Amino acid sequence: MTKSIFAALTFAALAMLPALAANEQQAPEQILAEARAKIAAAAASARASAKSAVESAIVEADLAFAADAKKRGAAEAFAAVMHPDGKMFPPRQPMSVGVEAARAAFKDDKSLWEWAPVQVAASGDVGATWGIAAISGTGDDGKPFAITTRYVSVWRKDSSGTWKMWLDVGTPGPLPDVK
């Protein structure tokens, strides 16, 4: 079973390579313009797809998190929204656990992060969003860059009843069309 899951994930990663290469050949401005249009559509879709007050609250928590990242940067935004025992699973890096680990993971990141959830599902005090994002800035080489990613975040209430990000994973790749 484990080998078949590994094989499927490897195949999926290899299947994405042509799309990632095509994305990298676009100018950063073009990538951002297309991504921003999809992110705006995603926010509207997530709000419309929320079927309960709990789901609406989680969508709004994710959107507030995105606005905070745009305003204060990834390090402070991720630290502010991370559940005390929250975990992040960054690509090709060790898992990070907790608020301070989230802050440390992004401490030198000066990139602009923009995202929105596409869909939400929730029951009780746990819910999940999946969404799309664009990350842009100036690289170490002094040239502008823009990449697109997809993410899944699992949200859980903390002891005060506030929605916090409990689990988060993102992967670079082309953004799906959002309706």
Foldseek 3Di string as FASTA:
>chain_A
DVVVVVVVVVVVVVVQVVQQVVLQPDDQVVNVVVQVVQQVLLLVQACVQQPDPVSNQVQVLQQVLQVCCQVPNQLVSQLVQAAQQAWEDEPPDDIAGGNVSRNVVCVPPPKHKHKGFNHKDDDDFKIKTKIKIKIWDADPVRHIHIWIKIKMWMWGAHPVRHIGTRYIYMDTGDDDHGD
